[in-house]
Amino acid sequence: MKASFARIRTHPWIIWYAVLLHTLWACLLLAGQKTYGATALHVYSPVPRTLMAGALLTASALAAWAITCRHPSWQTLAALLPQQAILTASAYAAIAAVVMAHYGDGVIRPRLFILADQAPAILAFAMHTAAVVEIHARKTTADILRATLTAMDTEADRLSPPGPSSR
């Protein structure tokens, strides 16, 4: 008798948070150029505002679609990657601001002040990464071990010499 292992899936609230955040950023970019002064967006300042707003809205729409799909697949993983990339670049900008002791727009502040201010961007990146992995990591360690042992047994049976009844 095989034991069944129930997987507990946590609520993907961090992905919805990023959907809302990126939608808000897109709207703010469409409202004005000064939005690029924010550290999380400053890394994208070479990109035209309307193009960046479109990229943010596209990433949000793809992530919303992915998280509402019934079963995770390689398509849902691919749909979450643009959002993950945006969060990665924003977290990098936040970490760079801490290291250089100034914000993306050049305002100088103590490192701990900037870290306290930019911690949400860094934490959102880390938590989003964990959520994407959790959603798409379908097999537990026990499942992998069971599949490996089954494959080994099958291969051992295939390689064993035929018994007297197979002649």
Foldseek 3Di string as FASTA:
>chain_A
DDDDDDADADQPVLLVVLLVVLQVLLVVLVVDLCSCQAQLNVLVSVPRSNVSSVLSNQLSVLQVVLSPDPAHDVSSLVSNVSSLVSLVSSLVSLVVCLVVQHGSNGHHDHSVVSCVVSVVSNVSNVVNVVNSCSRPVPDDPVRVVVVVVVVVVVVCVVPDDDDPVVD
